[in-house]
Amino acid sequence: MFVETYRQACYAEENEDTIGLAGLGYRKAIEFLIKDYLIKVDPDNKDKIIKMQLGKCIDKLDEDIQDIAKAATWLGNDEVHYFKKHRDYGIDDMKDFIQCLVADIERYYVKLKAREFVNANDNATK
């Protein structure tokens, strides 16, 4: 759902009639990204993660990606709420943070794949 929601937010941003909805879409995409990641890491707690507030989900992330997730979420919240807290930042900054978060998560998946590959080959040579 992250990819589809992000794509829809991009579409909203590109169209004059829907540009105001882009931030809402990016914020929703962040939530899907983080929750899907946590579910992949901890599938036994899927139902709990689905119901958990996003801030609590961010607290469960590895410490090295918590700041980028918080920054993206806070800017997303600015796009959703009436009053904007972080006036020096905008949608482009939020998208930068999302892209960094995606890269960090993709890196995790590639490392996991490599670990499985190495372990399988180590076990095969024993």
C-alpha atoms as a PDB file:
ATOM      1  CA  MET A   1       0.000   0.000   0.000  1.00  0.00           C
ATOM      2  CA  PHE A   2       2.942   2.341   0.538  1.00  0.00           C
ATOM      3  CA  VAL A   3       3.870   2.438  -3.137  1.00  0.00           C
ATOM      4  CA  GLU A   4       0.302   2.974  -4.325  1.00  0.00           C
ATOM      5  CA  THR A   5      -0.408   5.672  -1.728  1.00  0.00           C
ATOM      6  CA  TYR A   6       2.876   7.447  -2.484  1.00  0.00           C
ATOM      7  CA  ARG A   7       2.093   7.328  -6.209  1.00  0.00           C
ATOM      8  CA  GLN A   8      -1.325   8.862  -5.572  1.00  0.00           C
ATOM      9  CA  ALA A   9       0.263  11.626  -3.471  1.00  0.00           C
ATOM     10  CA  CYS A  10       2.678  12.379  -6.322  1.00  0.00           C
ATOM     11  CA  TYR A  11      -0.282  12.570  -8.696  1.00  0.00           C
ATOM     12  CA  ALA A  12      -2.082  14.955  -6.335  1.00  0.00           C
ATOM     13  CA  GLU A  13       1.018  17.128  -6.107  1.00  0.00           C
ATOM     14  CA  GLU A  14       1.353  17.336  -9.891  1.00  0.00           C
ATOM     15  CA  ASN A  15      -2.226  18.513 -10.417  1.00  0.00           C
ATOM     16  CA  GLU A  16      -3.306  22.032  -9.556  1.00  0.00           C
ATOM     17  CA  ASP A  17      -6.791  20.910  -8.474  1.00  0.00           C
ATOM     18  CA  THR A  18      -5.485  18.380  -5.942  1.00  0.00           C
ATOM     19  CA  ILE A  19      -2.111  19.768  -4.840  1.00  0.00           C
ATOM     20  CA  GLY A  20      -3.463  20.465  -1.340  1.00  0.00           C
ATOM     21  CA  LEU A  21      -4.067  16.742  -0.842  1.00  0.00           C
ATOM     22  CA  ALA A  22      -0.490  15.703  -1.630  1.00  0.00           C
ATOM     23  CA  GLY A  23       0.780  16.175   1.934  1.00  0.00           C
ATOM     24  CA  LEU A  24      -2.085  14.090   3.284  1.00  0.00           C
ATOM     25  CA  GLY A  25      -1.158  11.301   0.901  1.00  0.00           C
ATOM     26  CA  TYR A  26       2.534  11.405   1.746  1.00  0.00           C
ATOM     27  CA  ARG A  27       1.703  11.294   5.455  1.00  0.00           C
ATOM     28  CA  LYS A  28      -0.517   8.247   4.901  1.00  0.00           C
ATOM     29  CA  ALA A  29       2.231   6.616   2.825  1.00  0.00           C
ATOM     30  CA  ILE A  30       4.710   7.074   5.693  1.00  0.00           C
ATOM     31  CA  GLU A  31       2.385   5.193   8.020  1.00  0.00           C
ATOM     32  CA  PHE A  32       2.036   2.291   5.592  1.00  0.00           C
ATOM     33  CA  LEU A  33       5.798   2.165   5.056  1.00  0.00           C
ATOM     34  CA  ILE A  34       6.652   2.061   8.749  1.00  0.00           C
ATOM     35  CA  LYS A  35       3.930  -0.371   9.763  1.00  0.00           C
ATOM     36  CA  ASP A  36       4.625  -2.723   6.845  1.00  0.00           C
ATOM     37  CA  TYR A  37       8.307  -2.707   7.787  1.00  0.00           C
ATOM     38  CA  LEU A  38       7.565  -3.486  11.434  1.00  0.00           C
ATOM     39  CA  ILE A  39       5.209  -6.279  10.425  1.00  0.00           C
ATOM     40  CA  LYS A  40       7.945  -7.764   8.204  1.00  0.00           C
ATOM     41  CA  VAL A  41      10.414  -7.594  11.094  1.00  0.00           C
ATOM     42  CA  ASP A  42       7.942  -8.856  13.717  1.00  0.00           C
ATOM     43  CA  PRO A  43       5.112 -10.758  11.980  1.00  0.00           C
ATOM     44  CA  ASP A  44       3.879 -12.301  15.244  1.00  0.00           C
ATOM     45  CA  ASN A  45       2.698  -8.843  16.377  1.00  0.00           C
ATOM     46  CA  LYS A  46       0.963  -7.854  13.126  1.00  0.00           C
ATOM     47  CA  ASP A  47      -2.439  -7.147  14.701  1.00  0.00           C
ATOM     48  CA  LYS A  48      -0.863  -5.086  17.480  1.00  0.00           C
ATOM     49  CA  ILE A  49       1.262  -3.076  15.017  1.00  0.00           C
ATOM     50  CA  ILE A  50      -1.724  -2.346  12.769  1.00  0.00           C
ATOM     51  CA  LYS A  51      -3.632  -0.795  15.694  1.00  0.00           C
ATOM     52  CA  MET A  52      -0.643   1.028  17.186  1.00  0.00           C
ATOM     53  CA  GLN A  53      -0.289   4.806  16.871  1.00  0.00           C
ATOM     54  CA  LEU A  54       2.405   5.832  14.415  1.00  0.00           C
ATOM     55  CA  GLY A  55       4.524   7.497  17.095  1.00  0.00           C
ATOM     56  CA  LYS A  56       4.651   4.233  19.045  1.00  0.00           C
ATOM     57  CA  CYS A  57       5.599   2.407  15.843  1.00  0.00           C
ATOM     58  CA  ILE A  58       8.459   4.833  15.260  1.00  0.00           C
ATOM     59  CA  ASP A  59       9.688   4.112  18.791  1.00  0.00           C
ATOM     60  CA  LYS A  60       9.952   0.426  17.804  1.00  0.00           C
ATOM     61  CA  LEU A  61      12.213   1.186  14.816  1.00  0.00           C
ATOM     62  CA  ASP A  62      15.970   0.748  14.969  1.00  0.00           C
ATOM     63  CA  GLU A  63      17.431   3.820  16.616  1.00  0.00           C
ATOM     64  CA  ASP A  64      19.411   4.795  13.510  1.00  0.00           C
ATOM     65  CA  ILE A  65      16.222   5.385  11.466  1.00  0.00           C
ATOM     66  CA  GLN A  66      13.963   6.851  14.145  1.00  0.00           C
ATOM     67  CA  ASP A  67      14.966  10.473  13.497  1.00  0.00           C
ATOM     68  CA  ILE A  68      14.299  10.277   9.764  1.00  0.00           C
ATOM     69  CA  ALA A  69      10.922   8.618  10.437  1.00  0.00           C
ATOM     70  CA  LYS A  70      10.002  11.271  13.016  1.00  0.00           C
ATOM     71  CA  ALA A  71      11.032  14.112  10.718  1.00  0.00           C
ATOM     72  CA  ALA A  72       8.972  12.734   7.829  1.00  0.00           C
ATOM     73  CA  THR A  73       5.974  12.169  10.085  1.00  0.00           C
ATOM     74  CA  TRP A  74       6.130  15.594  11.707  1.00  0.00           C
ATOM     75  CA  LEU A  75       6.206  17.294   8.323  1.00  0.00           C
ATOM     76  CA  GLY A  76       3.349  15.046   7.211  1.00  0.00           C
ATOM     77  CA  ASN A  77       1.379  16.116  10.261  1.00  0.00           C
ATOM     78  CA  ASP A  78       2.009  19.739   9.299  1.00  0.00           C
ATOM     79  CA  GLU A  79       0.306  19.008   5.984  1.00  0.00           C
ATOM     80  CA  VAL A  80      -2.714  17.511   7.762  1.00  0.00           C
ATOM     81  CA  HIS A  81      -3.304  19.990  10.575  1.00  0.00           C
ATOM     82  CA  TYR A  82      -4.613  23.545  10.448  1.00  0.00           C
ATOM     83  CA  PHE A  83      -1.543  25.073  12.115  1.00  0.00           C
ATOM     84  CA  LYS A  84       1.872  24.379  10.633  1.00  0.00           C
ATOM     85  CA  LYS A  85       4.567  23.942  13.328  1.00  0.00           C
ATOM     86  CA  HIS A  86       7.593  23.646  11.042  1.00  0.00           C
ATOM     87  CA  ARG A  87       7.250  26.580   8.656  1.00  0.00           C
ATOM     88  CA  ASP A  88      10.828  26.355   7.366  1.00  0.00           C
ATOM     89  CA  TYR A  89      10.191  22.883   5.930  1.00  0.00           C
ATOM     90  CA  GLY A  90       7.734  21.619   3.366  1.00  0.00           C
ATOM     91  CA  ILE A  91       6.646  18.782   1.142  1.00  0.00           C
ATOM     92  CA  ASP A  92       9.985  18.564  -0.667  1.00  0.00           C
ATOM     93  CA  ASP A  93      11.765  18.056   2.658  1.00  0.00           C
ATOM     94  CA  MET A  94       9.212  15.447   3.677  1.00  0.00           C
ATOM     95  CA  LYS A  95       9.748  13.597   0.392  1.00  0.00           C
ATOM     96  CA  ASP A  96      13.524  13.686   0.944  1.00  0.00           C
ATOM     97  CA  PHE A  97      13.037  12.140   4.377  1.00  0.00           C
ATOM     98  CA  ILE A  98      10.668   9.501   2.985  1.00  0.00           C
ATOM     99  CA  GLN A  99      13.155   8.585   0.250  1.00  0.00           C
ATOM    100  CA  CYS A 100      15.917   8.223   2.835  1.00  0.00           C
ATOM    101  CA  LEU A 101      13.674   6.062   4.998  1.00  0.00           C
ATOM    102  CA  VAL A 102      12.830   3.870   2.001  1.00  0.00           C
ATOM    103  CA  ALA A 103      16.547   3.490   1.213  1.00  0.00           C
ATOM    104  CA  ASP A 104      17.312   2.485   4.802  1.00  0.00           C
ATOM    105  CA  ILE A 105      14.501  -0.065   4.810  1.00  0.00           C
ATOM    106  CA  GLU A 106      15.558  -1.457   1.433  1.00  0.00           C
ATOM    107  CA  ARG A 107      19.093  -1.758   2.788  1.00  0.00           C
ATOM    108  CA  TYR A 108      17.714  -3.807   5.682  1.00  0.00           C
ATOM    109  CA  TYR A 109      15.947  -6.186   3.295  1.00  0.00           C
ATOM    110  CA  VAL A 110      19.059  -6.615   1.150  1.00  0.00           C
ATOM    111  CA  LYS A 111      21.191  -7.305   4.239  1.00  0.00           C
ATOM    112  CA  LEU A 112      18.638  -9.876   5.396  1.00  0.00           C
ATOM    113  CA  LYS A 113      18.713 -11.550   1.978  1.00  0.00           C
ATOM    114  CA  ALA A 114      22.519 -11.612   2.020  1.00  0.00           C
ATOM    115  CA  ARG A 115      22.547 -13.069   5.547  1.00  0.00           C
ATOM    116  CA  GLU A 116      20.152 -15.836   4.485  1.00  0.00           C
ATOM    117  CA  PHE A 117      22.298 -16.550   1.418  1.00  0.00           C
ATOM    118  CA  VAL A 118      25.532 -16.696   3.415  1.00  0.00           C
ATOM    119  CA  ASN A 119      24.003 -18.857   6.151  1.00  0.00           C
ATOM    120  CA  ALA A 120      22.555 -21.271   3.602  1.00  0.00           C
ATOM    121  CA  ASN A 121      25.923 -21.601   1.863  1.00  0.00           C
ATOM    122  CA  ASP A 122      27.820 -21.919   5.148  1.00  0.00           C
ATOM    123  CA  ASN A 123      25.476 -24.743   6.186  1.00  0.00           C
ATOM    124  CA  ALA A 124      25.819 -26.434   2.789  1.00  0.00           C
ATOM    125  CA  THR A 125      29.619 -26.545   3.058  1.00  0.00           C
ATOM    126  CA  LYS A 126      29.627 -28.112   6.527  1.00  0.00           C
END
